[in-house]
Amino acid sequence: MLAELKDSGPLKAGELAARMSIKPATLSNMLLKLEEQGYLQRQRNAQDQRVVEVVLSESGRQLMGGVDFAPRGWLPEALSRMSGSQLAGLSGGLAALLMVMGVEDEAAASTLLPFTE
């Protein structure tokens, strides 16, 4: 979230949720925690006072100042360039990882992790 705000500047909560591909309720919980920690704040849009935007606070800008990030969208693009056999191997490897983690059924495998809810 902080990286998205660093790159994009002020965003409405709905825009931020869409960019991060998360549900608004999930975003709301994250916003609250990061706001309590002092890394971001909500402010009224200068042109339209009815619109509330999320922005990095000074602490958030300092935290994110020298941090570099991986390009967005690289994973789907990389997966699209893999052959069928490579994807099958990856699927098998991920299934083995889930087994080691104790996630043994498909219903549990598609359940959101606690920190993503």
PDB file of N, CA and C in Angstrom:
ATOM      1  N   MET A   1       0.820  -1.187   0.000  1.00  0.00           N
ATOM      2  CA  MET A   1       0.000   0.000   0.000  1.00  0.00           C
ATOM      3  C   MET A   1       0.867   1.255   0.000  1.00  0.00           C
ATOM      4  N   LEU A   2       1.871   1.243   0.850  1.00  0.00           N
ATOM      5  CA  LEU A   2       2.760   2.397   0.913  1.00  0.00           C
ATOM      6  C   LEU A   2       3.494   2.602  -0.409  1.00  0.00           C
ATOM      7  N   ALA A   3       3.894   1.511  -1.039  1.00  0.00           N
ATOM      8  CA  ALA A   3       4.575   1.614  -2.335  1.00  0.00           C
ATOM      9  C   ALA A   3       3.639   2.189  -3.391  1.00  0.00           C
ATOM     10  N   GLU A   4       2.403   1.769  -3.375  1.00  0.00           N
ATOM     11  CA  GLU A   4       1.424   2.275  -4.342  1.00  0.00           C
ATOM     12  C   GLU A   4       1.214   3.767  -4.149  1.00  0.00           C
ATOM     13  N   LEU A   5       1.101   4.197  -2.907  1.00  0.00           N
ATOM     14  CA  LEU A   5       0.934   5.623  -2.629  1.00  0.00           C
ATOM     15  C   LEU A   5       2.191   6.412  -2.982  1.00  0.00           C
ATOM     16  N   LYS A   6       3.346   5.803  -2.781  1.00  0.00           N
ATOM     17  CA  LYS A   6       4.603   6.473  -3.146  1.00  0.00           C
ATOM     18  C   LYS A   6       4.647   6.708  -4.651  1.00  0.00           C
ATOM     19  N   ASP A   7       4.242   5.692  -5.409  1.00  0.00           N
ATOM     20  CA  ASP A   7       4.292   5.791  -6.873  1.00  0.00           C
ATOM     21  C   ASP A   7       3.192   6.668  -7.450  1.00  0.00           C
ATOM     22  N   SER A   8       1.987   6.614  -6.856  1.00  0.00           N
ATOM     23  CA  SER A   8       0.821   7.245  -7.468  1.00  0.00           C
ATOM     24  C   SER A   8       0.426   8.571  -6.844  1.00  0.00           C
ATOM     25  N   GLY A   9       0.864   8.822  -5.633  1.00  0.00           N
ATOM     26  CA  GLY A   9       0.398  10.017  -4.951  1.00  0.00           C
ATOM     27  C   GLY A   9      -0.968   9.779  -4.339  1.00  0.00           C
ATOM     28  N   PRO A  10      -1.688  10.832  -3.963  1.00  0.00           N
ATOM     29  CA  PRO A  10      -2.984  10.683  -3.296  1.00  0.00           C
ATOM     30  C   PRO A  10      -3.968   9.869  -4.133  1.00  0.00           C
ATOM     31  N   LEU A  11      -4.669   8.948  -3.470  1.00  0.00           N
ATOM     32  CA  LEU A  11      -5.680   8.118  -4.130  1.00  0.00           C
ATOM     33  C   LEU A  11      -6.900   7.989  -3.228  1.00  0.00           C
ATOM     34  N   LYS A  12      -8.067   7.886  -3.862  1.00  0.00           N
ATOM     35  CA  LYS A  12      -9.274   7.558  -3.107  1.00  0.00           C
ATOM     36  C   LYS A  12      -9.147   6.105  -2.658  1.00  0.00           C
ATOM     37  N   ALA A  13      -9.792   5.765  -1.552  1.00  0.00           N
ATOM     38  CA  ALA A  13      -9.692   4.412  -1.011  1.00  0.00           C
ATOM     39  C   ALA A  13     -10.109   3.364  -2.042  1.00  0.00           C
ATOM     40  N   GLY A  14     -11.170   3.606  -2.773  1.00  0.00           N
ATOM     41  CA  GLY A  14     -11.625   2.657  -3.795  1.00  0.00           C
ATOM     42  C   GLY A  14     -10.598   2.453  -4.892  1.00  0.00           C
ATOM     43  N   GLU A  15      -9.946   3.532  -5.305  1.00  0.00           N
ATOM     44  CA  GLU A  15      -8.893   3.426  -6.322  1.00  0.00           C
ATOM     45  C   GLU A  15      -7.716   2.616  -5.797  1.00  0.00           C
ATOM     46  N   LEU A  16      -7.366   2.862  -4.550  1.00  0.00           N
ATOM     47  CA  LEU A  16      -6.246   2.146  -3.939  1.00  0.00           C
ATOM     48  C   LEU A  16      -6.555   0.657  -3.825  1.00  0.00           C
ATOM     49  N   ALA A  17      -7.754   0.311  -3.403  1.00  0.00           N
ATOM     50  CA  ALA A  17      -8.164  -1.095  -3.301  1.00  0.00           C
ATOM     51  C   ALA A  17      -8.106  -1.759  -4.676  1.00  0.00           C
ATOM     52  N   ALA A  18      -8.581  -1.074  -5.698  1.00  0.00           N
ATOM     53  CA  ALA A  18      -8.561  -1.637  -7.060  1.00  0.00           C
ATOM     54  C   ALA A  18      -7.137  -1.843  -7.547  1.00  0.00           C
ATOM     55  N   ARG A  19      -6.260  -0.891  -7.310  1.00  0.00           N
ATOM     56  CA  ARG A  19      -4.859  -1.030  -7.737  1.00  0.00           C
ATOM     57  C   ARG A  19      -4.162  -2.185  -7.034  1.00  0.00           C
ATOM     58  N   MET A  20      -4.568  -2.438  -5.786  1.00  0.00           N
ATOM     59  CA  MET A  20      -3.939  -3.502  -5.012  1.00  0.00           C
ATOM     60  C   MET A  20      -4.663  -4.840  -5.166  1.00  0.00           C
ATOM     61  N   SER A  21      -5.784  -4.826  -5.874  1.00  0.00           N
ATOM     62  CA  SER A  21      -6.604  -6.032  -6.081  1.00  0.00           C
ATOM     63  C   SER A  21      -7.038  -6.651  -4.753  1.00  0.00           C
ATOM     64  N   ILE A  22      -7.516  -5.798  -3.860  1.00  0.00           N
ATOM     65  CA  ILE A  22      -8.026  -6.280  -2.570  1.00  0.00           C
ATOM     66  C   ILE A  22      -9.424  -5.713  -2.351  1.00  0.00           C
ATOM     67  N   LYS A  23     -10.139  -6.321  -1.425  1.00  0.00           N
ATOM     68  CA  LYS A  23     -11.492  -5.876  -1.101  1.00  0.00           C
ATOM     69  C   LYS A  23     -11.426  -4.582  -0.289  1.00  0.00           C
ATOM     70  N   PRO A  24     -12.442  -3.725  -0.447  1.00  0.00           N
ATOM     71  CA  PRO A  24     -12.462  -2.476   0.333  1.00  0.00           C
ATOM     72  C   PRO A  24     -12.388  -2.705   1.845  1.00  0.00           C
ATOM     73  N   ALA A  25     -13.016  -3.765   2.347  1.00  0.00           N
ATOM     74  CA  ALA A  25     -12.955  -4.040   3.793  1.00  0.00           C
ATOM     75  C   ALA A  25     -11.524  -4.366   4.225  1.00  0.00           C
ATOM     76  N   THR A  26     -10.817  -5.108   3.400  1.00  0.00           N
ATOM     77  CA  THR A  26      -9.421  -5.429   3.690  1.00  0.00           C
ATOM     78  C   THR A  26      -8.592  -4.158   3.702  1.00  0.00           C
ATOM     79  N   LEU A  27      -8.821  -3.309   2.704  1.00  0.00           N
ATOM     80  CA  LEU A  27      -8.099  -2.046   2.618  1.00  0.00           C
ATOM     81  C   LEU A  27      -8.382  -1.193   3.842  1.00  0.00           C
ATOM     82  N   SER A  28      -9.632  -1.136   4.261  1.00  0.00           N
ATOM     83  CA  SER A  28     -10.013  -0.327   5.409  1.00  0.00           C
ATOM     84  C   SER A  28      -9.242  -0.734   6.659  1.00  0.00           C
ATOM     85  N   ASN A  29      -9.127  -2.039   6.894  1.00  0.00           N
ATOM     86  CA  ASN A  29      -8.366  -2.524   8.050  1.00  0.00           C
ATOM     87  C   ASN A  29      -6.891  -2.140   7.947  1.00  0.00           C
ATOM     88  N   MET A  30      -6.330  -2.273   6.763  1.00  0.00           N
ATOM     89  CA  MET A  30      -4.927  -1.920   6.562  1.00  0.00           C
ATOM     90  C   MET A  30      -4.716  -0.417   6.751  1.00  0.00           C
ATOM     91  N   LEU A  31      -5.630   0.373   6.194  1.00  0.00           N
ATOM     92  CA  LEU A  31      -5.530   1.824   6.335  1.00  0.00           C
ATOM     93  C   LEU A  31      -5.520   2.238   7.798  1.00  0.00           C
ATOM     94  N   LEU A  32      -6.423   1.652   8.550  1.00  0.00           N
ATOM     95  CA  LEU A  32      -6.524   1.993   9.968  1.00  0.00           C
ATOM     96  C   LEU A  32      -5.215   1.715  10.697  1.00  0.00           C
ATOM     97  N   LYS A  33      -4.628   0.548  10.457  1.00  0.00           N
ATOM     98  CA  LYS A  33      -3.383   0.186  11.136  1.00  0.00           C
ATOM     99  C   LYS A  33      -2.225   1.092  10.723  1.00  0.00           C
ATOM    100  N   LEU A  34      -2.114   1.366   9.422  1.00  0.00           N
ATOM    101  CA  LEU A  34      -1.016   2.215   8.953  1.00  0.00           C
ATOM    102  C   LEU A  34      -1.204   3.670   9.374  1.00  0.00           C
ATOM    103  N   GLU A  35      -2.452   4.093   9.474  1.00  0.00           N
ATOM    104  CA  GLU A  35      -2.732   5.446   9.955  1.00  0.00           C
ATOM    105  C   GLU A  35      -2.378   5.555  11.441  1.00  0.00           C
ATOM    106  N   GLU A  36      -2.711   4.529  12.223  1.00  0.00           N
ATOM    107  CA  GLU A  36      -2.368   4.514  13.650  1.00  0.00           C
ATOM    108  C   GLU A  36      -0.858   4.539  13.850  1.00  0.00           C
ATOM    109  N   GLN A  37      -0.113   3.906  12.943  1.00  0.00           N
ATOM    110  CA  GLN A  37       1.350   3.887  13.040  1.00  0.00           C
ATOM    111  C   GLN A  37       1.978   5.174  12.511  1.00  0.00           C
ATOM    112  N   GLY A  38       1.157   6.033  11.919  1.00  0.00           N
ATOM    113  CA  GLY A  38       1.646   7.329  11.451  1.00  0.00           C
ATOM    114  C   GLY A  38       2.244   7.335  10.062  1.00  0.00           C
ATOM    115  N   TYR A  39       2.027   6.277   9.270  1.00  0.00           N
ATOM    116  CA  TYR A  39       2.633   6.196   7.942  1.00  0.00           C
ATOM    117  C   TYR A  39       1.777   6.799   6.839  1.00  0.00           C
ATOM    118  N   LEU A  40       0.504   6.979   7.100  1.00  0.00           N
ATOM    119  CA  LEU A  40      -0.348   7.619   6.104  1.00  0.00           C
ATOM    120  C   LEU A  40      -1.430   8.414   6.789  1.00  0.00           C
ATOM    121  N   GLN A  41      -2.106   9.219   5.992  1.00  0.00           N
ATOM    122  CA  GLN A  41      -3.194  10.033   6.521  1.00  0.00           C
ATOM    123  C   GLN A  41      -4.252  10.198   5.438  1.00  0.00           C
ATOM    124  N   ARG A  42      -5.429  10.582   5.872  1.00  0.00           N
ATOM    125  CA  ARG A  42      -6.521  10.863   4.939  1.00  0.00           C
ATOM    126  C   ARG A  42      -6.678  12.370   4.871  1.00  0.00           C
ATOM    127  N   GLN A  43      -6.934  12.864   3.664  1.00  0.00           N
ATOM    128  CA  GLN A  43      -7.090  14.303   3.486  1.00  0.00           C
ATOM    129  C   GLN A  43      -8.166  14.575   2.440  1.00  0.00           C
ATOM    130  N   ARG A  44      -8.727  15.755   2.500  1.00  0.00           N
ATOM    131  CA  ARG A  44      -9.732  16.179   1.519  1.00  0.00           C
ATOM    132  C   ARG A  44      -9.031  16.611   0.239  1.00  0.00           C
ATOM    133  N   ASN A  45      -9.639  16.282  -0.897  1.00  0.00           N
ATOM    134  CA  ASN A  45      -9.115  16.683  -2.198  1.00  0.00           C
ATOM    135  C   ASN A  45      -9.213  18.205  -2.322  1.00  0.00           C
ATOM    136  N   ALA A  46      -8.174  18.828  -2.847  1.00  0.00           N
ATOM    137  CA  ALA A  46      -8.137  20.290  -2.959  1.00  0.00           C
ATOM    138  C   ALA A  46      -9.230  20.823  -3.886  1.00  0.00           C
ATOM    139  N   GLN A  47      -9.527  20.094  -4.979  1.00  0.00           N
ATOM    140  CA  GLN A  47     -10.528  20.558  -5.933  1.00  0.00           C
ATOM    141  C   GLN A  47     -11.960  20.224  -5.512  1.00  0.00           C
ATOM    142  N   ASP A  48     -12.134  19.109  -4.820  1.00  0.00           N
ATOM    143  CA  ASP A  48     -13.469  18.679  -4.412  1.00  0.00           C
ATOM    144  C   ASP A  48     -13.407  18.214  -2.957  1.00  0.00           C
ATOM    145  N   GLN A  49     -13.829  19.075  -2.064  1.00  0.00           N
ATOM    146  CA  GLN A  49     -13.728  18.809  -0.624  1.00  0.00           C
ATOM    147  C   GLN A  49     -14.553  17.612  -0.161  1.00  0.00           C
ATOM    148  N   ARG A  50     -15.462  17.113  -1.027  1.00  0.00           N
ATOM    149  CA  ARG A  50     -16.255  15.933  -0.667  1.00  0.00           C
ATOM    150  C   ARG A  50     -15.430  14.654  -0.781  1.00  0.00           C
ATOM    151  N   VAL A  51     -14.347  14.702  -1.556  1.00  0.00           N
ATOM    152  CA  VAL A  51     -13.524  13.523  -1.829  1.00  0.00           C
ATOM    153  C   VAL A  51     -12.404  13.413  -0.797  1.00  0.00           C
ATOM    154  N   VAL A  52     -12.307  12.235  -0.169  1.00  0.00           N
ATOM    155  CA  VAL A  52     -11.236  11.967   0.794  1.00  0.00           C
ATOM    156  C   VAL A  52     -10.203  11.071   0.117  1.00  0.00           C
ATOM    157  N   GLU A  53      -8.955  11.470   0.222  1.00  0.00           N
ATOM    158  CA  GLU A  53      -7.862  10.709  -0.384  1.00  0.00           C
ATOM    159  C   GLU A  53      -6.900  10.216   0.690  1.00  0.00           C
ATOM    160  N   VAL A  54      -6.186   9.153   0.354  1.00  0.00           N
ATOM    161  CA  VAL A  54      -5.168   8.590   1.235  1.00  0.00           C
ATOM    162  C   VAL A  54      -3.814   9.039   0.707  1.00  0.00           C
ATOM    163  N   VAL A  55      -2.962   9.541   1.592  1.00  0.00           N
ATOM    164  CA  VAL A  55      -1.624  10.003   1.206  1.00  0.00           C
ATOM    165  C   VAL A  55      -0.607   9.518   2.235  1.00  0.00           C
ATOM    166  N   LEU A  56       0.639   9.434   1.809  1.00  0.00           N
ATOM    167  CA  LEU A  56       1.713   9.135   2.749  1.00  0.00           C
ATOM    168  C   LEU A  56       1.922  10.323   3.678  1.00  0.00           C
ATOM    169  N   SER A  57       2.134  10.051   4.933  1.00  0.00           N
ATOM    170  CA  SER A  57       2.509  11.104   5.879  1.00  0.00           C
ATOM    171  C   SER A  57       4.007  11.357   5.707  1.00  0.00           C
ATOM    172  N   GLU A  58       4.526  12.300   6.452  1.00  0.00           N
ATOM    173  CA  GLU A  58       5.970  12.559   6.420  1.00  0.00           C
ATOM    174  C   GLU A  58       6.738  11.306   6.847  1.00  0.00           C
ATOM    175  N   SER A  59       6.256  10.613   7.883  1.00  0.00           N
ATOM    176  CA  SER A  59       6.907   9.369   8.326  1.00  0.00           C
ATOM    177  C   SER A  59       6.853   8.309   7.234  1.00  0.00           C
ATOM    178  N   GLY A  60       5.727   8.223   6.547  1.00  0.00           N
ATOM    179  CA  GLY A  60       5.585   7.264   5.451  1.00  0.00           C
ATOM    180  C   GLY A  60       6.527   7.573   4.306  1.00  0.00           C
ATOM    181  N   ARG A  61       6.666   8.863   3.974  1.00  0.00           N
ATOM    182  CA  ARG A  61       7.594   9.251   2.903  1.00  0.00           C
ATOM    183  C   ARG A  61       9.036   8.937   3.287  1.00  0.00           C
ATOM    184  N   GLN A  62       9.385   9.164   4.544  1.00  0.00           N
ATOM    185  CA  GLN A  62      10.741   8.848   5.005  1.00  0.00           C
ATOM    186  C   GLN A  62      10.985   7.344   4.950  1.00  0.00           C
ATOM    187  N   LEU A  63      10.004   6.571   5.398  1.00  0.00           N
ATOM    188  CA  LEU A  63      10.131   5.117   5.371  1.00  0.00           C
ATOM    189  C   LEU A  63      10.322   4.597   3.952  1.00  0.00           C
ATOM    190  N   MET A  64       9.575   5.151   3.018  1.00  0.00           N
ATOM    191  CA  MET A  64       9.596   4.659   1.646  1.00  0.00           C
ATOM    192  C   MET A  64      10.661   5.347   0.792  1.00  0.00           C
ATOM    193  N   GLY A  65      11.315   6.354   1.343  1.00  0.00           N
ATOM    194  CA  GLY A  65      12.257   7.179   0.588  1.00  0.00           C
ATOM    195  C   GLY A  65      13.228   6.447  -0.307  1.00  0.00           C
ATOM    196  N   GLY A  66      14.021   5.540   0.213  1.00  0.00           N
ATOM    197  CA  GLY A  66      15.057   4.891  -0.579  1.00  0.00           C
ATOM    198  C   GLY A  66      14.740   3.470  -0.969  1.00  0.00           C
ATOM    199  N   VAL A  67      13.476   3.073  -0.836  1.00  0.00           N
ATOM    200  CA  VAL A  67      13.105   1.686  -1.108  1.00  0.00           C
ATOM    201  C   VAL A  67      12.758   1.514  -2.577  1.00  0.00           C
ATOM    202  N   ASP A  68      13.344   0.500  -3.207  1.00  0.00           N
ATOM    203  CA  ASP A  68      13.017   0.160  -4.589  1.00  0.00           C
ATOM    204  C   ASP A  68      12.093  -1.049  -4.600  1.00  0.00           C
ATOM    205  N   PHE A  69      11.264  -1.149  -5.629  1.00  0.00           N
ATOM    206  CA  PHE A  69      10.280  -2.220  -5.712  1.00  0.00           C
ATOM    207  C   PHE A  69      10.380  -2.942  -7.036  1.00  0.00           C
ATOM    208  N   ALA A  70       9.948  -4.211  -7.018  1.00  0.00           N
ATOM    209  CA  ALA A  70       9.882  -4.992  -8.259  1.00  0.00           C
ATOM    210  C   ALA A  70       8.811  -4.382  -9.150  1.00  0.00           C
ATOM    211  N   PRO A  71       9.002  -4.479 -10.453  1.00  0.00           N
ATOM    212  CA  PRO A  71       7.987  -3.952 -11.363  1.00  0.00           C
ATOM    213  C   PRO A  71       6.652  -4.661 -11.155  1.00  0.00           C
ATOM    214  N   ARG A  72       5.567  -3.926 -11.273  1.00  0.00           N
ATOM    215  CA  ARG A  72       4.245  -4.515 -11.119  1.00  0.00           C
ATOM    216  C   ARG A  72       3.866  -5.272 -12.374  1.00  0.00           C
ATOM    217  N   GLY A  73       3.154  -6.353 -12.179  1.00  0.00           N
ATOM    218  CA  GLY A  73       2.654  -7.109 -13.309  1.00  0.00           C
ATOM    219  C   GLY A  73       3.640  -8.107 -13.886  1.00  0.00           C
ATOM    220  N   TRP A  74       4.798  -8.252 -13.259  1.00  0.00           N
ATOM    221  CA  TRP A  74       5.803  -9.143 -13.831  1.00  0.00           C
ATOM    222  C   TRP A  74       5.454 -10.606 -13.654  1.00  0.00           C
ATOM    223  N   LEU A  75       4.778 -10.972 -12.587  1.00  0.00           N
ATOM    224  CA  LEU A  75       4.450 -12.375 -12.356  1.00  0.00           C
ATOM    225  C   LEU A  75       3.478 -12.915 -13.404  1.00  0.00           C
ATOM    226  N   PRO A  76       2.339 -12.263 -13.664  1.00  0.00           N
ATOM    227  CA  PRO A  76       1.448 -12.780 -14.703  1.00  0.00           C
ATOM    228  C   PRO A  76       2.128 -12.860 -16.068  1.00  0.00           C
ATOM    229  N   GLU A  77       2.950 -11.873 -16.370  1.00  0.00           N
ATOM    230  CA  GLU A  77       3.650 -11.889 -17.654  1.00  0.00           C
ATOM    231  C   GLU A  77       4.633 -13.068 -17.719  1.00  0.00           C
ATOM    232  N   ALA A  78       5.370 -13.290 -16.638  1.00  0.00           N
ATOM    233  CA  ALA A  78       6.326 -14.396 -16.615  1.00  0.00           C
ATOM    234  C   ALA A  78       5.603 -15.730 -16.734  1.00  0.00           C
ATOM    235  N   LEU A  79       4.481 -15.895 -16.040  1.00  0.00           N
ATOM    236  CA  LEU A  79       3.724 -17.142 -16.130  1.00  0.00           C
ATOM    237  C   LEU A  79       3.204 -17.377 -17.538  1.00  0.00           C
ATOM    238  N   SER A  80       2.814 -16.315 -18.216  1.00  0.00           N
ATOM    239  CA  SER A  80       2.293 -16.474 -19.580  1.00  0.00           C
ATOM    240  C   SER A  80       3.371 -16.917 -20.561  1.00  0.00           C
ATOM    241  N   ARG A  81       4.631 -16.719 -20.211  1.00  0.00           N
ATOM    242  CA  ARG A  81       5.731 -17.124 -21.101  1.00  0.00           C
ATOM    243  C   ARG A  81       6.246 -18.530 -20.810  1.00  0.00           C
ATOM    244  N   MET A  82       5.681 -19.177 -19.780  1.00  0.00           N
ATOM    245  CA  MET A  82       6.128 -20.532 -19.439  1.00  0.00           C
ATOM    246  C   MET A  82       5.379 -21.560 -20.282  1.00  0.00           C
ATOM    247  N   SER A  83       6.060 -22.655 -20.597  1.00  0.00           N
ATOM    248  CA  SER A  83       5.438 -23.740 -21.363  1.00  0.00           C
ATOM    249  C   SER A  83       4.481 -24.527 -20.466  1.00  0.00           C
ATOM    250  N   GLY A  84       3.668 -25.352 -21.086  1.00  0.00           N
ATOM    251  CA  GLY A  84       2.740 -26.193 -20.338  1.00  0.00           C
ATOM    252  C   GLY A  84       3.452 -27.089 -19.342  1.00  0.00           C
ATOM    253  N   SER A  85       4.567 -27.663 -19.764  1.00  0.00           N
ATOM    254  CA  SER A  85       5.287 -28.563 -18.859  1.00  0.00           C
ATOM    255  C   SER A  85       5.927 -27.789 -17.701  1.00  0.00           C
ATOM    256  N   GLN A  86       6.380 -26.580 -17.962  1.00  0.00           N
ATOM    257  CA  GLN A  86       6.933 -25.760 -16.884  1.00  0.00           C
ATOM    258  C   GLN A  86       5.849 -25.379 -15.883  1.00  0.00           C
ATOM    259  N   LEU A  87       4.662 -25.036 -16.397  1.00  0.00           N
ATOM    260  CA  LEU A  87       3.551 -24.695 -15.511  1.00  0.00           C
ATOM    261  C   LEU A  87       3.114 -25.906 -14.696  1.00  0.00           C
ATOM    262  N   ALA A  88       3.112 -27.082 -15.309  1.00  0.00           N
ATOM    263  CA  ALA A  88       2.754 -28.303 -14.591  1.00  0.00           C
ATOM    264  C   ALA A  88       3.762 -28.576 -13.478  1.00  0.00           C
ATOM    265  N   GLY A  89       5.045 -28.374 -13.765  1.00  0.00           N
ATOM    266  CA  GLY A  89       6.086 -28.558 -12.751  1.00  0.00           C
ATOM    267  C   GLY A  89       5.923 -27.567 -11.607  1.00  0.00           C
ATOM    268  N   LEU A  90       5.610 -26.325 -11.951  1.00  0.00           N
ATOM    269  CA  LEU A  90       5.388 -25.300 -10.935  1.00  0.00           C
ATOM    270  C   LEU A  90       4.183 -25.661 -10.076  1.00  0.00           C
ATOM    271  N   SER A  91       3.121 -26.125 -10.715  1.00  0.00           N
ATOM    272  CA  SER A  91       1.921 -26.531  -9.990  1.00  0.00           C
ATOM    273  C   SER A  91       2.231 -27.663  -9.013  1.00  0.00           C
ATOM    274  N   GLY A  92       2.998 -28.638  -9.475  1.00  0.00           N
ATOM    275  CA  GLY A  92       3.390 -29.741  -8.598  1.00  0.00           C
ATOM    276  C   GLY A  92       4.228 -29.276  -7.428  1.00  0.00           C
ATOM    277  N   GLY A  93       5.139 -28.370  -7.702  1.00  0.00           N
ATOM    278  CA  GLY A  93       5.987 -27.825  -6.637  1.00  0.00           C
ATOM    279  C   GLY A  93       5.187 -27.045  -5.619  1.00  0.00           C
ATOM    280  N   LEU A  94       4.239 -26.246  -6.091  1.00  0.00           N
ATOM    281  CA  LEU A  94       3.398 -25.485  -5.167  1.00  0.00           C
ATOM    282  C   LEU A  94       2.495 -26.408  -4.348  1.00  0.00           C
ATOM    283  N   ALA A  95       1.998 -27.479  -4.983  1.00  0.00           N
ATOM    284  CA  ALA A  95       1.180 -28.458  -4.259  1.00  0.00           C
ATOM    285  C   ALA A  95       2.005 -29.108  -3.145  1.00  0.00           C
ATOM    286  N   ALA A  96       3.277 -29.418  -3.447  1.00  0.00           N
ATOM    287  CA  ALA A  96       4.158 -30.008  -2.430  1.00  0.00           C
ATOM    288  C   ALA A  96       4.406 -29.016  -1.301  1.00  0.00           C
ATOM    289  N   LEU A  97       4.586 -27.755  -1.635  1.00  0.00           N
ATOM    290  CA  LEU A  97       4.779 -26.722  -0.617  1.00  0.00           C
ATOM    291  C   LEU A  97       3.558 -26.622   0.292  1.00  0.00           C
ATOM    292  N   LEU A  98       2.367 -26.615  -0.299  1.00  0.00           N
ATOM    293  CA  LEU A  98       1.145 -26.560   0.505  1.00  0.00           C
ATOM    294  C   LEU A  98       1.023 -27.775   1.413  1.00  0.00           C
ATOM    295  N   MET A  99       1.438 -28.934   0.913  1.00  0.00           N
ATOM    296  CA  MET A  99       1.379 -30.152   1.719  1.00  0.00           C
ATOM    297  C   MET A  99       2.292 -30.018   2.939  1.00  0.00           C
ATOM    298  N   VAL A 100       3.506 -29.513   2.723  1.00  0.00           N
ATOM    299  CA  VAL A 100       4.458 -29.320   3.822  1.00  0.00           C
ATOM    300  C   VAL A 100       3.918 -28.300   4.821  1.00  0.00           C
ATOM    301  N   MET A 101       3.175 -27.325   4.332  1.00  0.00           N
ATOM    302  CA  MET A 101       2.606 -26.291   5.193  1.00  0.00           C
ATOM    303  C   MET A 101       1.357 -26.788   5.923  1.00  0.00           C
ATOM    304  N   GLY A 102       0.911 -27.985   5.578  1.00  0.00           N
ATOM    305  CA  GLY A 102      -0.262 -28.538   6.233  1.00  0.00           C
ATOM    306  C   GLY A 102      -1.573 -28.165   5.571  1.00  0.00           C
ATOM    307  N   VAL A 103      -1.509 -27.637   4.376  1.00  0.00           N
ATOM    308  CA  VAL A 103      -2.714 -27.294   3.619  1.00  0.00           C
ATOM    309  C   VAL A 103      -2.917 -28.417   2.614  1.00  0.00           C
ATOM    310  N   GLU A 104      -3.814 -29.346   2.977  1.00  0.00           N
ATOM    311  CA  GLU A 104      -3.909 -30.568   2.184  1.00  0.00           C
ATOM    312  C   GLU A 104      -5.148 -30.672   1.306  1.00  0.00           C
ATOM    313  N   ASP A 105      -6.101 -29.771   1.443  1.00  0.00           N
ATOM    314  CA  ASP A 105      -7.263 -29.882   0.563  1.00  0.00           C
ATOM    315  C   ASP A 105      -7.459 -28.591  -0.222  1.00  0.00           C
ATOM    316  N   GLU A 106      -8.156 -28.692  -1.342  1.00  0.00           N
ATOM    317  CA  GLU A 106      -8.304 -27.546  -2.228  1.00  0.00           C
ATOM    318  C   GLU A 106      -9.089 -26.420  -1.584  1.00  0.00           C
ATOM    319  N   ALA A 107     -10.075 -26.752  -0.776  1.00  0.00           N
ATOM    320  CA  ALA A 107     -10.865 -25.705  -0.117  1.00  0.00           C
ATOM    321  C   ALA A 107      -9.970 -24.869   0.793  1.00  0.00           C
ATOM    322  N   ALA A 108      -9.110 -25.524   1.552  1.00  0.00           N
ATOM    323  CA  ALA A 108      -8.201 -24.792   2.442  1.00  0.00           C
ATOM    324  C   ALA A 108      -7.160 -24.024   1.642  1.00  0.00           C
ATOM    325  N   ALA A 109      -6.740 -24.576   0.506  1.00  0.00           N
ATOM    326  CA  ALA A 109      -5.717 -23.934  -0.301  1.00  0.00           C
ATOM    327  C   ALA A 109      -6.213 -22.613  -0.885  1.00  0.00           C
ATOM    328  N   SER A 110      -7.513 -22.488  -1.072  1.00  0.00           N
ATOM    329  CA  SER A 110      -8.038 -21.243  -1.641  1.00  0.00           C
ATOM    330  C   SER A 110      -8.553 -20.284  -0.569  1.00  0.00           C
ATOM    331  N   THR A 111      -8.355 -20.631   0.696  1.00  0.00           N
ATOM    332  CA  THR A 111      -8.758 -19.747   1.795  1.00  0.00           C
ATOM    333  C   THR A 111      -7.716 -18.652   1.965  1.00  0.00           C
ATOM    334  N   LEU A 112      -8.192 -17.408   2.155  1.00  0.00           N
ATOM    335  CA  LEU A 112      -7.283 -16.294   2.332  1.00  0.00           C
ATOM    336  C   LEU A 112      -6.467 -16.463   3.614  1.00  0.00           C
ATOM    337  N   LEU A 113      -5.226 -16.054   3.561  1.00  0.00           N
ATOM    338  CA  LEU A 113      -4.391 -16.036   4.742  1.00  0.00           C
ATOM    339  C   LEU A 113      -4.847 -14.926   5.668  1.00  0.00           C
ATOM    340  N   PRO A 114      -4.639 -15.064   6.976  1.00  0.00           N
ATOM    341  CA  PRO A 114      -5.142 -14.062   7.927  1.00  0.00           C
ATOM    342  C   PRO A 114      -4.689 -12.645   7.640  1.00  0.00           C
ATOM    343  N   PHE A 115      -3.455 -12.451   7.159  1.00  0.00           N
ATOM    344  CA  PHE A 115      -2.969 -11.099   6.932  1.00  0.00           C
ATOM    345  C   PHE A 115      -3.481 -10.504   5.632  1.00  0.00           C
ATOM    346  N   THR A 116      -4.241 -11.275   4.823  1.00  0.00           N
ATOM    347  CA  THR A 116      -4.794 -10.727   3.594  1.00  0.00           C
ATOM    348  C   THR A 116      -6.279 -10.423   3.720  1.00  0.00           C
ATOM    349  N   GLU A 117      -6.875 -10.773   4.844  1.00  0.00           N
ATOM    350  CA  GLU A 117      -8.307 -10.553   5.020  1.00  0.00           C
ATOM    351  C   GLU A 117      -8.594  -9.145   5.502  1.00  0.00           C
TER     352      GLU A 117
END
